[in-house]
Amino acid sequence: MKTFLMNEVGLSNDATIQLRAIHGIDVFNAFQSFSNKGVVDTCSTARRPGGTISYPDSTRNTLFLNITNTGVAIPTIVAKNLKLCIYAA
């Protein structure tokens, strides 16, 4: 599934790890629960900048400033390919 998501859909290695490990998308049938509107909403939310991200190595002894959330670049072709996966599933 990771190879499919990277080569056919166009996701990055980090994105495929997130989908598989955190969101449990490890079989093609998982796309059956998605909707076209869901893909559009998810992509626009990920692209939208704003807020901050906590610095992962921040502890009480070592204080780091939060990182500004600049949004994530998601190519239009990736959103289109995800919609095709939904249709195929």
C-alpha atoms as a PDB file:
ATOM      1  CA  MET A   1       0.000   0.000   0.000  1.00  0.00           C
ATOM      2  CA  LYS A   2       2.877   2.372   0.768  1.00  0.00           C
ATOM      3  CA  THR A   3       4.302   1.949  -2.722  1.00  0.00           C
ATOM      4  CA  PHE A   4       0.879   2.567  -4.263  1.00  0.00           C
ATOM      5  CA  LEU A   5       0.341   5.732  -2.216  1.00  0.00           C
ATOM      6  CA  MET A   6       3.776   7.059  -3.142  1.00  0.00           C
ATOM      7  CA  ASN A   7       3.995   6.030  -6.808  1.00  0.00           C
ATOM      8  CA  GLU A   8       0.383   6.233  -7.983  1.00  0.00           C
ATOM      9  CA  VAL A   9      -1.220   8.824  -5.705  1.00  0.00           C
ATOM     10  CA  GLY A  10       1.901  10.982  -5.375  1.00  0.00           C
ATOM     11  CA  LEU A  11       2.134  11.257  -1.599  1.00  0.00           C
ATOM     12  CA  SER A  12       5.449  11.785   0.140  1.00  0.00           C
ATOM     13  CA  ASN A  13       7.108   9.114   2.267  1.00  0.00           C
ATOM     14  CA  ASP A  14       6.135  11.012   5.436  1.00  0.00           C
ATOM     15  CA  ALA A  15       2.501  11.265   4.321  1.00  0.00           C
ATOM     16  CA  THR A  16       2.288   7.540   3.614  1.00  0.00           C
ATOM     17  CA  ILE A  17       3.759   6.734   7.019  1.00  0.00           C
ATOM     18  CA  GLN A  18       1.168   9.021   8.652  1.00  0.00           C
ATOM     19  CA  LEU A  19      -1.717   7.440   6.740  1.00  0.00           C
ATOM     20  CA  ARG A  20      -0.628   3.895   7.507  1.00  0.00           C
ATOM     21  CA  ALA A  21       0.634   4.193  11.077  1.00  0.00           C
ATOM     22  CA  ILE A  22      -1.632   6.846  12.564  1.00  0.00           C
ATOM     23  CA  HIS A  23      -4.794   6.607  10.476  1.00  0.00           C
ATOM     24  CA  GLY A  24      -4.746   2.873   9.738  1.00  0.00           C
ATOM     25  CA  ILE A  25      -5.018   3.156   5.944  1.00  0.00           C
ATOM     26  CA  ASP A  26      -3.233  -0.038   4.993  1.00  0.00           C
ATOM     27  CA  VAL A  27      -5.612  -1.567   2.443  1.00  0.00           C
ATOM     28  CA  PHE A  28      -7.178  -0.132  -0.677  1.00  0.00           C
ATOM     29  CA  ASN A  29     -10.698  -0.822   0.638  1.00  0.00           C
ATOM     30  CA  ALA A  30     -10.162   1.860   3.282  1.00  0.00           C
ATOM     31  CA  PHE A  31     -10.908   4.408   0.568  1.00  0.00           C
ATOM     32  CA  GLN A  32     -14.535   3.231   0.540  1.00  0.00           C
ATOM     33  CA  SER A  33     -15.193   5.250   3.686  1.00  0.00           C
ATOM     34  CA  PHE A  34     -13.902   8.480   2.099  1.00  0.00           C
ATOM     35  CA  SER A  35     -15.912  11.011   0.119  1.00  0.00           C
ATOM     36  CA  ASN A  36     -14.922  13.527  -2.543  1.00  0.00           C
ATOM     37  CA  LYS A  37     -15.980  16.354  -0.230  1.00  0.00           C
ATOM     38  CA  GLY A  38     -13.867  14.838   2.533  1.00  0.00           C
ATOM     39  CA  VAL A  39     -10.783  14.913   0.309  1.00  0.00           C
ATOM     40  CA  VAL A  40     -11.436  18.542  -0.646  1.00  0.00           C
ATOM     41  CA  ASP A  41     -12.014  19.552   2.992  1.00  0.00           C
ATOM     42  CA  THR A  42      -8.953  17.665   4.252  1.00  0.00           C
ATOM     43  CA  CYS A  43      -6.665  19.119   1.584  1.00  0.00           C
ATOM     44  CA  SER A  44      -7.881  22.682   2.147  1.00  0.00           C
ATOM     45  CA  THR A  45      -7.487  22.318   5.904  1.00  0.00           C
ATOM     46  CA  ALA A  46      -3.943  20.964   5.555  1.00  0.00           C
ATOM     47  CA  ARG A  47      -3.009  23.767   3.136  1.00  0.00           C
ATOM     48  CA  ARG A  48      -4.339  26.505   5.413  1.00  0.00           C
ATOM     49  CA  PRO A  49      -1.665  28.251   7.481  1.00  0.00           C
ATOM     50  CA  GLY A  50      -2.282  29.441  11.002  1.00  0.00           C
ATOM     51  CA  GLY A  51      -1.670  28.629  14.617  1.00  0.00           C
ATOM     52  CA  THR A  52       1.446  26.997  15.969  1.00  0.00           C
ATOM     53  CA  ILE A  53       2.915  23.540  16.258  1.00  0.00           C
ATOM     54  CA  SER A  54       4.555  22.486  19.522  1.00  0.00           C
ATOM     55  CA  TYR A  55       8.258  21.853  19.192  1.00  0.00           C
ATOM     56  CA  PRO A  56       8.661  18.054  19.532  1.00  0.00           C
ATOM     57  CA  ASP A  57      11.815  18.200  21.695  1.00  0.00           C
ATOM     58  CA  SER A  58      10.466  20.784  24.110  1.00  0.00           C
ATOM     59  CA  THR A  59      10.620  19.741  27.763  1.00  0.00           C
ATOM     60  CA  ARG A  60      10.323  21.579  31.044  1.00  0.00           C
ATOM     61  CA  ASN A  61      14.114  21.881  31.283  1.00  0.00           C
ATOM     62  CA  THR A  62      14.625  22.944  27.667  1.00  0.00           C
ATOM     63  CA  LEU A  63      12.188  25.551  26.435  1.00  0.00           C
ATOM     64  CA  PHE A  64      11.727  26.023  22.712  1.00  0.00           C
ATOM     65  CA  LEU A  65       9.361  28.382  21.005  1.00  0.00           C
ATOM     66  CA  ASN A  66       6.460  26.899  19.130  1.00  0.00           C
ATOM     67  CA  ILE A  67       6.826  26.611  15.370  1.00  0.00           C
ATOM     68  CA  THR A  68       4.487  28.663  13.175  1.00  0.00           C
ATOM     69  CA  ASN A  69       2.181  26.398  11.149  1.00  0.00           C
ATOM     70  CA  THR A  70       2.703  27.452   7.525  1.00  0.00           C
ATOM     71  CA  GLY A  71       0.353  24.835   6.084  1.00  0.00           C
ATOM     72  CA  VAL A  72       1.262  21.869   3.909  1.00  0.00           C
ATOM     73  CA  ALA A  73       1.731  21.946   0.155  1.00  0.00           C
ATOM     74  CA  ILE A  74      -0.631  19.415  -1.425  1.00  0.00           C
ATOM     75  CA  PRO A  75      -0.451  19.291  -5.216  1.00  0.00           C
ATOM     76  CA  THR A  76      -3.796  19.338  -7.019  1.00  0.00           C
ATOM     77  CA  ILE A  77      -2.892  16.067  -8.776  1.00  0.00           C
ATOM     78  CA  VAL A  78      -2.671  14.327  -5.377  1.00  0.00           C
ATOM     79  CA  ALA A  79      -6.210  15.433  -4.485  1.00  0.00           C
ATOM     80  CA  LYS A  80      -7.395  14.262  -7.912  1.00  0.00           C
ATOM     81  CA  ASN A  81      -5.672  10.882  -7.468  1.00  0.00           C
ATOM     82  CA  LEU A  82      -7.244  10.439  -4.022  1.00  0.00           C
ATOM     83  CA  LYS A  83     -10.667  11.078  -5.557  1.00  0.00           C
ATOM     84  CA  LEU A  84      -9.911   8.434  -8.193  1.00  0.00           C
ATOM     85  CA  CYS A  85      -9.000   5.970  -5.423  1.00  0.00           C
ATOM     86  CA  ILE A  86     -12.382   6.629  -3.794  1.00  0.00           C
ATOM     87  CA  TYR A  87     -14.146   6.025  -7.072  1.00  0.00           C
ATOM     88  CA  ALA A  88     -12.183   2.807  -7.727  1.00  0.00           C
ATOM     89  CA  ALA A  89     -12.794   1.466  -4.223  1.00  0.00           C
END
